[in-house]
Amino acid sequence: MVKVVGKLVDDQTRCVHWNSPLDVMAIKFKCCQTFYSCYECHQEMTNHDPIVYDLNIKKEAITPTILCGKCQNEMTFEEYSKGIKCTNCLTNFNPGCKLHYDIYFKNVPSNLQSCEL
């Protein structure tokens, strides 16, 4: 099982900040190479600002950065963003997460930055 760090993380990656039925994914922070439940958990549990992945750098674009809290499947940003669901178990993720892409990634394709939820 992949270790996910956060405040009151349940067995599906939910934390005190994000805990709806759809909040079942974690993000691997580039700066720590560690999965956190959310940005707020990272900020509260570390003493540094996050470093974002640059999707224009091939190595970073193909790095698995998203973890499904239901089945532990690791996905790249591209895989995750195609449907905002797990590519393995098809669990839907919180579509509102796309509002926070800039916290984790830069150079996100403009067609994926839509705020349609």
C-alpha atoms as a PDB file:
ATOM      1  CA  MET A   1       0.000   0.000   0.000  1.00  0.00           C
ATOM      2  CA  VAL A   2       1.311   3.464  -0.944  1.00  0.00           C
ATOM      3  CA  LYS A   3       1.804   5.747   2.053  1.00  0.00           C
ATOM      4  CA  VAL A   4      -0.245   8.950   1.904  1.00  0.00           C
ATOM      5  CA  VAL A   5       0.520  11.791   4.312  1.00  0.00           C
ATOM      6  CA  GLY A   6      -2.160  14.126   5.609  1.00  0.00           C
ATOM      7  CA  LYS A   7      -4.286  15.130   8.570  1.00  0.00           C
ATOM      8  CA  LEU A   8      -6.754  12.415   9.529  1.00  0.00           C
ATOM      9  CA  VAL A   9      -6.333  10.544   6.273  1.00  0.00           C
ATOM     10  CA  ASP A  10      -8.778   7.677   5.949  1.00  0.00           C
ATOM     11  CA  ASP A  11      -8.003   4.509   4.046  1.00  0.00           C
ATOM     12  CA  GLN A  12      -9.109   6.186   0.770  1.00  0.00           C
ATOM     13  CA  THR A  13      -6.943   9.365   1.104  1.00  0.00           C
ATOM     14  CA  ARG A  14      -9.607  11.699   2.501  1.00  0.00           C
ATOM     15  CA  CYS A  15      -8.422  14.313   4.994  1.00  0.00           C
ATOM     16  CA  VAL A  16      -9.860  16.997   7.262  1.00  0.00           C
ATOM     17  CA  HIS A  17      -9.793  19.489   4.377  1.00  0.00           C
ATOM     18  CA  TRP A  18     -11.305  17.387   1.607  1.00  0.00           C
ATOM     19  CA  ASN A  19     -13.537  14.502   2.620  1.00  0.00           C
ATOM     20  CA  SER A  20     -16.494  14.140   0.278  1.00  0.00           C
ATOM     21  CA  PRO A  21     -17.217  10.785  -1.360  1.00  0.00           C
ATOM     22  CA  LEU A  22     -15.313  12.045  -4.450  1.00  0.00           C
ATOM     23  CA  ASP A  23     -12.175  13.128  -2.550  1.00  0.00           C
ATOM     24  CA  VAL A  24     -10.386   9.830  -3.080  1.00  0.00           C
ATOM     25  CA  MET A  25      -7.120  10.835  -4.702  1.00  0.00           C
ATOM     26  CA  ALA A  26      -3.740  12.020  -3.512  1.00  0.00           C
ATOM     27  CA  ILE A  27      -1.019  14.067  -5.191  1.00  0.00           C
ATOM     28  CA  LYS A  28       2.690  13.249  -5.215  1.00  0.00           C
ATOM     29  CA  PHE A  29       4.469  16.511  -4.466  1.00  0.00           C
ATOM     30  CA  LYS A  30       7.565  17.062  -6.580  1.00  0.00           C
ATOM     31  CA  CYS A  31       9.451  18.715  -3.718  1.00  0.00           C
ATOM     32  CA  CYS A  32       9.005  15.763  -1.342  1.00  0.00           C
ATOM     33  CA  GLN A  33       8.356  12.874  -3.723  1.00  0.00           C
ATOM     34  CA  THR A  34       5.602  11.984  -1.264  1.00  0.00           C
ATOM     35  CA  PHE A  35       1.861  11.596  -1.736  1.00  0.00           C
ATOM     36  CA  TYR A  36      -0.232  14.040   0.305  1.00  0.00           C
ATOM     37  CA  SER A  37      -3.998  14.114   0.608  1.00  0.00           C
ATOM     38  CA  CYS A  38      -4.083  17.756  -0.439  1.00  0.00           C
ATOM     39  CA  TYR A  39      -2.210  21.036  -0.679  1.00  0.00           C
ATOM     40  CA  GLU A  40      -3.368  22.144   2.780  1.00  0.00           C
ATOM     41  CA  CYS A  41      -2.028  18.962   4.376  1.00  0.00           C
ATOM     42  CA  HIS A  42       1.318  19.537   2.649  1.00  0.00           C
ATOM     43  CA  GLN A  43       1.451  23.128   3.872  1.00  0.00           C
ATOM     44  CA  GLU A  44       0.556  22.191   7.446  1.00  0.00           C
ATOM     45  CA  MET A  45       2.974  19.261   7.659  1.00  0.00           C
ATOM     46  CA  THR A  46       6.089  20.644   5.939  1.00  0.00           C
ATOM     47  CA  ASN A  47       8.223  23.750   6.297  1.00  0.00           C
ATOM     48  CA  HIS A  48       8.588  24.559   2.600  1.00  0.00           C
ATOM     49  CA  ASP A  49       6.541  25.695  -0.376  1.00  0.00           C
ATOM     50  CA  PRO A  50       5.614  23.097  -2.971  1.00  0.00           C
ATOM     51  CA  ILE A  51       7.484  22.803  -6.239  1.00  0.00           C
ATOM     52  CA  VAL A  52       5.212  22.264  -9.223  1.00  0.00           C
ATOM     53  CA  TYR A  53       5.635  19.775 -12.033  1.00  0.00           C
ATOM     54  CA  ASP A  54       6.281  21.317 -15.445  1.00  0.00           C
ATOM     55  CA  LEU A  55       4.173  19.413 -17.951  1.00  0.00           C
ATOM     56  CA  ASN A  56       6.359  20.718 -20.792  1.00  0.00           C
ATOM     57  CA  ILE A  57       9.229  18.613 -19.439  1.00  0.00           C
ATOM     58  CA  LYS A  58       8.678  15.072 -20.711  1.00  0.00           C
ATOM     59  CA  LYS A  59      10.092  13.369 -17.616  1.00  0.00           C
ATOM     60  CA  GLU A  60       7.726  15.326 -15.394  1.00  0.00           C
ATOM     61  CA  ALA A  61       4.758  14.862 -17.715  1.00  0.00           C
ATOM     62  CA  ILE A  62       5.125  11.065 -17.588  1.00  0.00           C
ATOM     63  CA  THR A  63       5.745  10.881 -13.832  1.00  0.00           C
ATOM     64  CA  PRO A  64       2.880   9.184 -11.967  1.00  0.00           C
ATOM     65  CA  THR A  65       1.638  12.010  -9.730  1.00  0.00           C
ATOM     66  CA  ILE A  66      -1.956  11.007  -8.956  1.00  0.00           C
ATOM     67  CA  LEU A  67      -2.947   8.143  -6.673  1.00  0.00           C
ATOM     68  CA  CYS A  68      -6.403   6.598  -6.592  1.00  0.00           C
ATOM     69  CA  GLY A  69      -7.486   6.215  -2.992  1.00  0.00           C
ATOM     70  CA  LYS A  70      -9.765   3.309  -3.833  1.00  0.00           C
ATOM     71  CA  CYS A  71      -7.395   0.952  -5.683  1.00  0.00           C
ATOM     72  CA  GLN A  72      -3.929   2.546  -5.217  1.00  0.00           C
ATOM     73  CA  ASN A  73      -3.455   2.981  -8.979  1.00  0.00           C
ATOM     74  CA  GLU A  74      -0.829   5.614  -9.817  1.00  0.00           C
ATOM     75  CA  MET A  75      -1.487   7.797 -12.870  1.00  0.00           C
ATOM     76  CA  THR A  76       0.212  10.543 -14.808  1.00  0.00           C
ATOM     77  CA  PHE A  77      -1.512  13.918 -15.005  1.00  0.00           C
ATOM     78  CA  GLU A  78      -2.506  13.190 -18.604  1.00  0.00           C
ATOM     79  CA  GLU A  79      -4.125   9.870 -17.688  1.00  0.00           C
ATOM     80  CA  TYR A  80      -5.973  11.415 -14.754  1.00  0.00           C
ATOM     81  CA  SER A  81      -7.127  14.521 -16.612  1.00  0.00           C
ATOM     82  CA  LYS A  82      -8.740  12.607 -19.497  1.00  0.00           C
ATOM     83  CA  GLY A  83     -11.748  11.716 -17.382  1.00  0.00           C
ATOM     84  CA  ILE A  84     -11.142  12.880 -13.800  1.00  0.00           C
ATOM     85  CA  LYS A  85     -11.475   9.265 -12.764  1.00  0.00           C
ATOM     86  CA  CYS A  86      -9.214   6.323 -12.052  1.00  0.00           C
ATOM     87  CA  THR A  87      -7.963   4.604 -15.183  1.00  0.00           C
ATOM     88  CA  ASN A  88      -8.008   1.272 -13.334  1.00  0.00           C
ATOM     89  CA  CYS A  89     -11.154   1.037 -11.189  1.00  0.00           C
ATOM     90  CA  LEU A  90     -13.055   3.937 -12.855  1.00  0.00           C
ATOM     91  CA  THR A  91     -13.772   5.648  -9.521  1.00  0.00           C
ATOM     92  CA  ASN A  92     -14.816   9.246 -10.128  1.00  0.00           C
ATOM     93  CA  PHE A  93     -12.728  11.993  -8.535  1.00  0.00           C
ATOM     94  CA  ASN A  94     -13.788  15.445  -7.386  1.00  0.00           C
ATOM     95  CA  PRO A  95     -14.099  17.525 -10.589  1.00  0.00           C
ATOM     96  CA  GLY A  96     -13.397  20.662  -8.537  1.00  0.00           C
ATOM     97  CA  CYS A  97      -9.764  19.585  -8.284  1.00  0.00           C
ATOM     98  CA  LYS A  98      -9.213  21.076 -11.746  1.00  0.00           C
ATOM     99  CA  LEU A  99      -9.563  24.496 -10.113  1.00  0.00           C
ATOM    100  CA  HIS A 100      -6.315  23.759  -8.267  1.00  0.00           C
ATOM    101  CA  TYR A 101      -4.140  22.408 -11.088  1.00  0.00           C
ATOM    102  CA  ASP A 102      -1.848  25.441 -10.839  1.00  0.00           C
ATOM    103  CA  ILE A 103      -0.902  24.469  -7.284  1.00  0.00           C
ATOM    104  CA  TYR A 104       0.636  21.227  -8.549  1.00  0.00           C
ATOM    105  CA  PHE A 105       1.369  21.696 -12.264  1.00  0.00           C
ATOM    106  CA  LYS A 106       2.441  24.365 -14.715  1.00  0.00           C
ATOM    107  CA  ASN A 107       1.927  24.399 -18.462  1.00  0.00           C
ATOM    108  CA  VAL A 108      -1.377  22.569 -18.185  1.00  0.00           C
ATOM    109  CA  PRO A 109      -2.930  22.437 -21.683  1.00  0.00           C
ATOM    110  CA  SER A 110      -5.560  25.166 -22.006  1.00  0.00           C
ATOM    111  CA  ASN A 111      -8.280  22.674 -22.951  1.00  0.00           C
ATOM    112  CA  LEU A 112      -7.858  21.070 -19.493  1.00  0.00           C
ATOM    113  CA  GLN A 113      -8.108  24.310 -17.541  1.00  0.00           C
ATOM    114  CA  SER A 114     -11.819  24.746 -18.150  1.00  0.00           C
ATOM    115  CA  CYS A 115     -13.812  25.517 -15.044  1.00  0.00           C
ATOM    116  CA  GLU A 116     -16.834  23.588 -16.244  1.00  0.00           C
ATOM    117  CA  LEU A 117     -17.731  21.311 -13.364  1.00  0.00           C
END
